[in-house]
Amino acid sequence: MNIKIWVGLIVLLLTMVGAVWLIKTPAPSPENTGPTSGKMVFAWNIKELGENPAAPDVPRTSVSITSGGKTYAVGEFEGSCAEIDGTSWALVEGEKTGVICWWAGGGSEAGVFEENGKMVLKVGILEEGSAEIPGFRGNFQTIATFE
């Protein structure tokens, strides 16, 4: 047989094997996507609310998080919010996933932390700082424990 025929048959066989593998590989389901910690899966819900009526030109954002089919309200924050993963921010020690909300040199951070074998939802403070005063990121307060 001609070498071109052999190469063609091998390419055809590999293509068929690849197609079967793609068909049999299940697509991820919604409950199996998002940041995870152990068996828990978390999905942040970020919704822009428009300007704050009490402070024109200041955007407001609503943040909640879903885990295990239950949604936990985190709060409404000044500024725009984004998940930490995929930004220039890094998670702090013990934080598994988080959201940064920032406006005009300061803001808030919501995060899921692992503490004593449990996953807890906390909110903290962000401050940009200045030449005289260092920036600040911390003072996290627990607002919920995931079951």
N, C-alpha and C. Protein backbone atom coordinates (compact mmCIF):
# COMPACT_ATOMS: atom_id res chain seq x y z
N MET A 1 0.83 -1.19 0.00
CA MET A 1 0.00 0.00 0.00
C MET A 1 0.87 1.25 0.00
N ASN A 2 0.33 2.26 -0.55
CA ASN A 2 1.02 3.54 -0.64
C ASN A 2 1.07 4.18 0.75
N ILE A 3 2.16 4.88 1.07
CA ILE A 3 2.33 5.53 2.37
C ILE A 3 1.26 6.60 2.60
N LYS A 4 0.82 7.28 1.56
CA LYS A 4 -0.22 8.30 1.70
C LYS A 4 -1.53 7.66 2.18
N ILE A 5 -1.81 6.48 1.74
CA ILE A 5 -3.03 5.79 2.18
C ILE A 5 -2.91 5.42 3.66
N TRP A 6 -1.74 4.90 4.07
CA TRP A 6 -1.53 4.56 5.48
C TRP A 6 -1.67 5.80 6.37
N VAL A 7 -1.06 6.90 5.99
CA VAL A 7 -1.15 8.13 6.77
C VAL A 7 -2.61 8.60 6.84
N GLY A 8 -3.29 8.53 5.72
CA GLY A 8 -4.70 8.91 5.69
C GLY A 8 -5.55 8.04 6.62
N LEU A 9 -5.31 6.73 6.64
CA LEU A 9 -6.05 5.82 7.52
C LEU A 9 -5.76 6.11 8.99
N ILE A 10 -4.50 6.40 9.32
CA ILE A 10 -4.14 6.72 10.71
C ILE A 10 -4.81 8.02 11.15
N VAL A 11 -4.78 9.04 10.31
CA VAL A 11 -5.43 10.31 10.63
C VAL A 11 -6.92 10.10 10.81
N LEU A 12 -7.54 9.32 9.95
CA LEU A 12 -8.97 9.04 10.06
C LEU A 12 -9.27 8.32 11.36
N LEU A 13 -8.48 7.33 11.73
CA LEU A 13 -8.68 6.58 12.96
C LEU A 13 -8.54 7.49 14.18
N LEU A 14 -7.51 8.33 14.20
CA LEU A 14 -7.32 9.25 15.32
C LEU A 14 -8.46 10.26 15.42
N THR A 15 -8.96 10.73 14.30
CA THR A 15 -10.08 11.66 14.29
C THR A 15 -11.32 11.00 14.87
N MET A 16 -11.57 9.74 14.51
CA MET A 16 -12.74 9.02 15.03
C MET A 16 -12.61 8.80 16.53
N VAL A 17 -11.43 8.43 17.01
CA VAL A 17 -11.23 8.22 18.45
C VAL A 17 -11.44 9.54 19.19
N GLY A 18 -10.91 10.64 18.67
CA GLY A 18 -11.10 11.94 19.29
C GLY A 18 -12.56 12.36 19.34
N ALA A 19 -13.30 12.10 18.27
CA ALA A 19 -14.72 12.45 18.23
C ALA A 19 -15.50 11.65 19.27
N VAL A 20 -15.20 10.37 19.39
CA VAL A 20 -15.89 9.53 20.39
C VAL A 20 -15.58 10.03 21.79
N TRP A 21 -14.32 10.40 22.04
CA TRP A 21 -13.94 10.91 23.36
C TRP A 21 -14.69 12.20 23.68
N LEU A 22 -14.79 13.12 22.72
CA LEU A 22 -15.51 14.38 22.94
C LEU A 22 -16.98 14.15 23.21
N ILE A 23 -17.59 13.22 22.51
CA ILE A 23 -19.01 12.94 22.70
C ILE A 23 -19.26 12.34 24.07
N LYS A 24 -18.39 11.47 24.54
CA LYS A 24 -18.58 10.78 25.82
C LYS A 24 -18.18 11.62 27.03
N THR A 25 -17.41 12.72 26.84
CA THR A 25 -16.99 13.56 27.96
C THR A 25 -18.14 14.48 28.34
N PRO A 26 -18.64 14.39 29.59
CA PRO A 26 -19.78 15.23 29.97
C PRO A 26 -19.36 16.69 30.13
N ALA A 27 -20.27 17.56 29.75
CA ALA A 27 -20.05 18.99 29.94
C ALA A 27 -20.23 19.31 31.42
N PRO A 28 -19.50 20.32 31.95
CA PRO A 28 -19.68 20.65 33.36
C PRO A 28 -21.09 21.16 33.61
N SER A 29 -21.69 20.73 34.70
CA SER A 29 -23.03 21.20 35.06
C SER A 29 -22.88 22.45 35.93
N PRO A 30 -23.92 23.28 36.01
CA PRO A 30 -23.81 24.52 36.77
C PRO A 30 -23.39 24.31 38.22
N GLU A 31 -23.81 23.21 38.84
CA GLU A 31 -23.44 22.99 40.23
C GLU A 31 -21.99 22.55 40.39
N ASN A 32 -21.31 22.29 39.28
CA ASN A 32 -19.91 21.88 39.35
C ASN A 32 -18.98 22.92 38.75
N THR A 33 -19.39 24.17 38.72
CA THR A 33 -18.54 25.23 38.21
C THR A 33 -18.35 26.28 39.29
N GLY A 34 -17.37 27.11 39.12
CA GLY A 34 -17.10 28.17 40.08
C GLY A 34 -16.00 27.77 41.05
N PRO A 35 -15.56 28.73 41.90
CA PRO A 35 -14.51 28.42 42.86
C PRO A 35 -14.97 27.34 43.82
N THR A 36 -14.06 26.47 44.19
CA THR A 36 -14.42 25.38 45.09
C THR A 36 -13.48 25.34 46.28
N SER A 37 -13.94 24.70 47.31
CA SER A 37 -13.11 24.37 48.46
C SER A 37 -13.60 23.03 48.97
N GLY A 38 -12.80 22.00 48.75
CA GLY A 38 -13.26 20.67 49.12
C GLY A 38 -14.45 20.31 48.25
N LYS A 39 -15.57 20.01 48.88
CA LYS A 39 -16.77 19.63 48.15
C LYS A 39 -17.70 20.82 47.90
N MET A 40 -17.40 21.98 48.47
CA MET A 40 -18.28 23.14 48.32
C MET A 40 -17.92 23.92 47.06
N VAL A 41 -18.95 24.37 46.36
CA VAL A 41 -18.79 25.18 45.15
C VAL A 41 -19.44 26.53 45.42
N PHE A 42 -18.75 27.60 45.04
CA PHE A 42 -19.26 28.95 45.29
C PHE A 42 -19.44 29.70 43.97
N ALA A 43 -20.52 30.46 43.87
CA ALA A 43 -20.79 31.29 42.69
C ALA A 43 -21.17 32.69 43.18
N TRP A 44 -20.35 33.67 42.83
CA TRP A 44 -20.64 35.05 43.19
C TRP A 44 -21.70 35.63 42.25
N ASN A 45 -22.59 36.43 42.81
CA ASN A 45 -23.62 37.12 42.04
C ASN A 45 -23.40 38.62 42.25
N ILE A 46 -23.01 39.32 41.19
CA ILE A 46 -22.70 40.74 41.27
C ILE A 46 -23.66 41.49 40.36
N LYS A 47 -24.38 42.46 40.95
CA LYS A 47 -25.38 43.20 40.18
C LYS A 47 -25.18 44.70 40.40
N GLU A 48 -24.93 45.42 39.30
CA GLU A 48 -24.79 46.87 39.38
C GLU A 48 -26.17 47.48 39.63
N LEU A 49 -26.24 48.40 40.59
CA LEU A 49 -27.51 49.02 40.97
C LEU A 49 -27.66 50.45 40.46
N GLY A 50 -26.65 50.97 39.80
CA GLY A 50 -26.70 52.36 39.34
C GLY A 50 -26.16 53.28 40.41
N GLU A 51 -26.40 54.57 40.24
CA GLU A 51 -25.88 55.57 41.18
C GLU A 51 -26.62 55.54 42.51
N ASN A 52 -25.91 55.88 43.55
CA ASN A 52 -26.48 55.99 44.89
C ASN A 52 -27.31 57.28 44.95
N PRO A 53 -28.60 57.20 45.26
CA PRO A 53 -29.43 58.42 45.31
C PRO A 53 -28.93 59.42 46.35
N ALA A 54 -28.33 58.94 47.42
CA ALA A 54 -27.84 59.84 48.47
C ALA A 54 -26.51 60.49 48.09
N ALA A 55 -25.79 59.91 47.14
CA ALA A 55 -24.50 60.45 46.72
C ALA A 55 -24.38 60.30 45.21
N PRO A 56 -24.94 61.27 44.46
CA PRO A 56 -24.89 61.18 42.99
C PRO A 56 -23.47 60.95 42.48
N ASP A 57 -23.37 60.26 41.38
CA ASP A 57 -22.12 59.90 40.73
C ASP A 57 -21.37 58.76 41.43
N VAL A 58 -21.91 58.22 42.50
CA VAL A 58 -21.27 57.10 43.19
C VAL A 58 -22.05 55.83 42.84
N PRO A 59 -21.42 54.92 42.11
CA PRO A 59 -22.12 53.67 41.76
C PRO A 59 -22.31 52.77 42.97
N ARG A 60 -23.36 51.95 42.93
CA ARG A 60 -23.64 50.97 43.99
C ARG A 60 -23.73 49.60 43.34
N THR A 61 -23.29 48.58 44.07
CA THR A 61 -23.31 47.22 43.56
C THR A 61 -23.80 46.28 44.65
N SER A 62 -24.68 45.36 44.27
CA SER A 62 -25.19 44.34 45.18
C SER A 62 -24.39 43.06 44.97
N VAL A 63 -24.01 42.42 46.09
CA VAL A 63 -23.22 41.19 46.02
C VAL A 63 -23.90 40.11 46.86
N SER A 64 -24.01 38.92 46.29
CA SER A 64 -24.46 37.74 47.02
C SER A 64 -23.62 36.56 46.55
N ILE A 65 -23.72 35.46 47.26
CA ILE A 65 -22.97 34.26 46.90
C ILE A 65 -23.87 33.05 47.06
N THR A 66 -23.75 32.11 46.12
CA THR A 66 -24.56 30.90 46.15
C THR A 66 -23.65 29.71 46.39
N SER A 67 -24.09 28.83 47.30
CA SER A 67 -23.38 27.59 47.57
C SER A 67 -24.40 26.56 48.03
N GLY A 68 -24.30 25.37 47.49
CA GLY A 68 -25.21 24.29 47.89
C GLY A 68 -26.67 24.60 47.65
N GLY A 69 -26.95 25.39 46.61
CA GLY A 69 -28.32 25.73 46.28
C GLY A 69 -28.91 26.84 47.13
N LYS A 70 -28.14 27.39 48.07
CA LYS A 70 -28.62 28.46 48.93
C LYS A 70 -27.86 29.74 48.61
N THR A 71 -28.58 30.87 48.54
CA THR A 71 -27.97 32.16 48.25
C THR A 71 -27.86 32.97 49.54
N TYR A 72 -26.69 33.53 49.76
CA TYR A 72 -26.41 34.34 50.94
C TYR A 72 -26.20 35.78 50.50
N ALA A 73 -26.97 36.72 51.06
CA ALA A 73 -26.79 38.13 50.76
C ALA A 73 -25.51 38.60 51.44
N VAL A 74 -24.65 39.27 50.69
CA VAL A 74 -23.42 39.80 51.26
C VAL A 74 -23.63 41.27 51.60
N GLY A 75 -24.24 42.03 50.69
CA GLY A 75 -24.53 43.43 50.95
C GLY A 75 -24.49 44.28 49.71
N GLU A 76 -24.74 45.58 49.90
CA GLU A 76 -24.63 46.58 48.84
C GLU A 76 -23.42 47.43 49.16
N PHE A 77 -22.60 47.69 48.13
CA PHE A 77 -21.34 48.39 48.33
C PHE A 77 -21.20 49.53 47.35
N GLU A 78 -20.48 50.58 47.79
CA GLU A 78 -20.15 51.67 46.88
C GLU A 78 -19.09 51.19 45.92
N GLY A 79 -19.20 51.62 44.66
CA GLY A 79 -18.21 51.29 43.66
C GLY A 79 -18.60 50.12 42.79
N SER A 80 -17.63 49.69 42.00
CA SER A 80 -17.80 48.54 41.13
C SER A 80 -17.15 47.34 41.79
N CYS A 81 -17.73 46.17 41.58
CA CYS A 81 -17.23 44.95 42.21
C CYS A 81 -16.81 43.95 41.15
N ALA A 82 -15.80 43.14 41.50
CA ALA A 82 -15.32 42.09 40.60
C ALA A 82 -14.73 40.97 41.44
N GLU A 83 -14.83 39.75 40.92
CA GLU A 83 -14.19 38.62 41.58
C GLU A 83 -12.69 38.83 41.57
N ILE A 84 -12.03 38.44 42.65
CA ILE A 84 -10.58 38.63 42.76
C ILE A 84 -9.86 37.81 41.71
N ASP A 85 -10.30 36.57 41.50
CA ASP A 85 -9.66 35.73 40.49
C ASP A 85 -9.79 36.41 39.13
N GLY A 86 -8.67 36.61 38.47
CA GLY A 86 -8.69 37.27 37.17
C GLY A 86 -8.39 38.75 37.23
N THR A 87 -8.09 39.27 38.44
CA THR A 87 -7.71 40.68 38.57
C THR A 87 -6.28 40.76 39.09
N SER A 88 -5.80 41.97 39.31
CA SER A 88 -4.45 42.14 39.85
C SER A 88 -4.39 41.91 41.36
N TRP A 89 -5.54 41.79 42.00
CA TRP A 89 -5.59 41.49 43.43
C TRP A 89 -5.26 40.02 43.66
N ALA A 90 -4.79 39.71 44.86
CA ALA A 90 -4.53 38.33 45.27
C ALA A 90 -5.37 38.02 46.50
N LEU A 91 -5.75 36.77 46.66
CA LEU A 91 -6.49 36.36 47.84
C LEU A 91 -5.59 36.51 49.07
N VAL A 92 -6.18 36.88 50.21
CA VAL A 92 -5.40 36.96 51.45
C VAL A 92 -5.31 35.58 52.08
N GLU A 93 -4.47 35.42 53.08
CA GLU A 93 -4.24 34.13 53.71
C GLU A 93 -5.55 33.52 54.21
N GLY A 94 -5.81 32.28 53.83
CA GLY A 94 -7.01 31.56 54.24
C GLY A 94 -8.22 31.81 53.37
N GLU A 95 -8.15 32.79 52.47
CA GLU A 95 -9.28 33.13 51.60
C GLU A 95 -9.29 32.18 50.40
N LYS A 96 -10.45 31.61 50.11
CA LYS A 96 -10.58 30.66 49.00
C LYS A 96 -11.12 31.31 47.73
N THR A 97 -11.98 32.30 47.89
CA THR A 97 -12.55 33.06 46.78
C THR A 97 -13.02 34.39 47.35
N GLY A 98 -13.07 35.42 46.50
CA GLY A 98 -13.47 36.72 47.03
C GLY A 98 -13.88 37.70 45.95
N VAL A 99 -14.43 38.82 46.41
CA VAL A 99 -14.87 39.92 45.55
C VAL A 99 -14.33 41.22 46.13
N ILE A 100 -13.82 42.07 45.25
CA ILE A 100 -13.34 43.40 45.63
C ILE A 100 -14.34 44.42 45.09
N CYS A 101 -14.76 45.34 45.96
CA CYS A 101 -15.62 46.47 45.55
C CYS A 101 -14.82 47.74 45.83
N TRP A 102 -14.63 48.57 44.81
CA TRP A 102 -13.70 49.69 44.91
C TRP A 102 -14.32 50.97 44.36
N TRP A 103 -14.09 52.07 45.09
CA TRP A 103 -14.51 53.38 44.61
C TRP A 103 -13.64 54.46 45.26
N ALA A 104 -13.02 55.29 44.45
CA ALA A 104 -12.31 56.49 44.89
C ALA A 104 -11.34 56.23 46.05
N GLY A 105 -10.47 55.25 45.90
CA GLY A 105 -9.41 55.03 46.88
C GLY A 105 -9.75 54.13 48.05
N GLY A 106 -10.89 53.49 48.00
CA GLY A 106 -11.24 52.59 49.10
C GLY A 106 -12.37 51.67 48.71
N GLY A 107 -12.73 50.80 49.62
CA GLY A 107 -13.83 49.91 49.31
C GLY A 107 -13.98 48.80 50.32
N SER A 108 -14.56 47.71 49.84
CA SER A 108 -14.85 46.56 50.68
C SER A 108 -14.43 45.30 49.96
N GLU A 109 -14.20 44.26 50.74
CA GLU A 109 -13.87 42.95 50.20
C GLU A 109 -14.74 41.92 50.89
N ALA A 110 -15.35 41.06 50.09
CA ALA A 110 -16.11 39.92 50.62
C ALA A 110 -15.34 38.67 50.23
N GLY A 111 -15.21 37.75 51.17
CA GLY A 111 -14.46 36.55 50.86
C GLY A 111 -14.95 35.34 51.62
N VAL A 112 -14.65 34.18 51.08
CA VAL A 112 -14.92 32.91 51.75
C VAL A 112 -13.60 32.42 52.31
N PHE A 113 -13.57 32.20 53.62
CA PHE A 113 -12.36 31.79 54.31
C PHE A 113 -12.58 30.42 54.95
N GLU A 114 -11.49 29.65 55.01
CA GLU A 114 -11.54 28.38 55.72
C GLU A 114 -10.97 28.60 57.11
N GLU A 115 -11.80 28.34 58.13
CA GLU A 115 -11.39 28.52 59.52
C GLU A 115 -11.87 27.34 60.34
N ASN A 116 -10.95 26.69 61.03
CA ASN A 116 -11.28 25.57 61.90
C ASN A 116 -12.11 24.51 61.19
N GLY A 117 -11.78 24.24 59.93
CA GLY A 117 -12.47 23.21 59.17
C GLY A 117 -13.82 23.64 58.61
N LYS A 118 -14.21 24.89 58.80
CA LYS A 118 -15.49 25.39 58.27
C LYS A 118 -15.23 26.51 57.28
N MET A 119 -16.18 26.69 56.38
CA MET A 119 -16.11 27.78 55.41
C MET A 119 -16.99 28.92 55.91
N VAL A 120 -16.41 30.11 56.02
CA VAL A 120 -17.15 31.27 56.53
C VAL A 120 -17.07 32.42 55.53
N LEU A 121 -18.14 33.19 55.47
CA LEU A 121 -18.25 34.37 54.61
C LEU A 121 -17.94 35.59 55.46
N LYS A 122 -16.99 36.40 54.99
CA LYS A 122 -16.58 37.59 55.74
C LYS A 122 -16.55 38.81 54.83
N VAL A 123 -16.68 39.99 55.45
CA VAL A 123 -16.54 41.25 54.74
C VAL A 123 -15.51 42.09 55.47
N GLY A 124 -14.61 42.70 54.69
CA GLY A 124 -13.55 43.53 55.27
C GLY A 124 -13.45 44.88 54.59
N ILE A 125 -12.46 45.65 55.02
CA ILE A 125 -12.26 47.02 54.57
C ILE A 125 -11.01 47.11 53.69
N LEU A 126 -11.08 47.96 52.66
CA LEU A 126 -9.93 48.27 51.80
C LEU A 126 -9.70 49.77 51.82
N GLU A 127 -8.44 50.18 52.02
CA GLU A 127 -8.09 51.59 51.94
C GLU A 127 -6.81 51.72 51.13
N GLU A 128 -6.81 52.66 50.21
CA GLU A 128 -5.67 52.86 49.32
C GLU A 128 -4.43 53.36 50.04
N GLY A 129 -4.59 54.21 51.02
CA GLY A 129 -3.45 54.80 51.70
C GLY A 129 -2.91 56.00 50.96
N SER A 130 -1.79 56.53 51.46
CA SER A 130 -1.16 57.70 50.85
C SER A 130 0.34 57.61 51.09
N ALA A 131 1.06 58.67 50.76
CA ALA A 131 2.50 58.68 50.98
C ALA A 131 2.82 58.60 52.47
N GLU A 132 1.94 59.13 53.31
CA GLU A 132 2.17 59.13 54.76
C GLU A 132 1.53 57.94 55.47
N ILE A 133 0.47 57.40 54.91
CA ILE A 133 -0.29 56.33 55.57
C ILE A 133 -0.34 55.12 54.63
N PRO A 134 0.09 53.94 55.11
CA PRO A 134 0.04 52.76 54.24
C PRO A 134 -1.41 52.33 53.97
N GLY A 135 -1.59 51.63 52.86
CA GLY A 135 -2.90 51.09 52.54
C GLY A 135 -3.30 50.03 53.57
N PHE A 136 -4.58 49.71 53.58
CA PHE A 136 -5.09 48.74 54.56
C PHE A 136 -6.04 47.77 53.88
N ARG A 137 -5.94 46.52 54.27
CA ARG A 137 -6.84 45.48 53.77
C ARG A 137 -7.05 44.49 54.91
N GLY A 138 -8.23 44.52 55.50
CA GLY A 138 -8.45 43.63 56.63
C GLY A 138 -9.71 43.96 57.41
N ASN A 139 -9.63 43.73 58.73
CA ASN A 139 -10.76 43.92 59.64
C ASN A 139 -11.98 43.13 59.16
N PHE A 140 -11.75 41.88 58.76
CA PHE A 140 -12.82 41.03 58.24
C PHE A 140 -13.75 40.60 59.39
N GLN A 141 -15.04 40.74 59.13
CA GLN A 141 -16.08 40.34 60.09
C GLN A 141 -16.92 39.22 59.46
N THR A 142 -17.17 38.17 60.23
CA THR A 142 -17.96 37.03 59.75
C THR A 142 -19.42 37.44 59.62
N ILE A 143 -20.03 37.11 58.47
CA ILE A 143 -21.46 37.40 58.30
C ILE A 143 -22.28 36.12 58.08
N ALA A 144 -21.61 35.00 57.76
CA ALA A 144 -22.35 33.73 57.59
C ALA A 144 -21.37 32.57 57.63
N THR A 145 -21.88 31.41 57.99
CA THR A 145 -21.12 30.17 57.94
C THR A 145 -21.82 29.24 56.97
N PHE A 146 -21.06 28.63 56.08
CA PHE A 146 -21.64 27.72 55.10
C PHE A 146 -21.80 26.34 55.72
N GLU A 147 -22.93 25.74 55.47
CA GLU A 147 -23.21 24.40 56.01
C GLU A 147 -22.93 23.35 54.97
